[in-house]
Amino acid sequence: MSSFDKSKVEKLMQNMGNIKPTDEQMEMIEGLSEKYKNQNEEDMLEELKKLKSSMMKNTKKYKKQMEALNQLKDFLDEEQKKKLEKVMDFLNEK
């Protein structure tokens, strides 16, 4: 994964309805970026299982989060897009 790019996150937030993340939220996003950038796919899959369980508890929020993930594609190269699509497919499985 490439290094954290604050401007890309800010653009994504604008696309999601002009959301203005706080400095604390931006630090959290940067921390997550650092935490996961070197994890292997098996570790990531385990995290996704936890995320999916949490996301499915609120369907309205889940749909919004999936829309946000879909918008991330604009910031990714082809390899990253394929990986994101795989993640999204996993999250959409019933």
Foldseek 3Di string as FASTA:
>chain_A
DDADDLVLVQVLCVVLPNDDDDPVVSVVVNVVCVVPVPDDPVVVVVVLVVVLVVLVVDVVVVVSVLVSLVVCCVVDDPVVNVVSVVSSVVSPDD
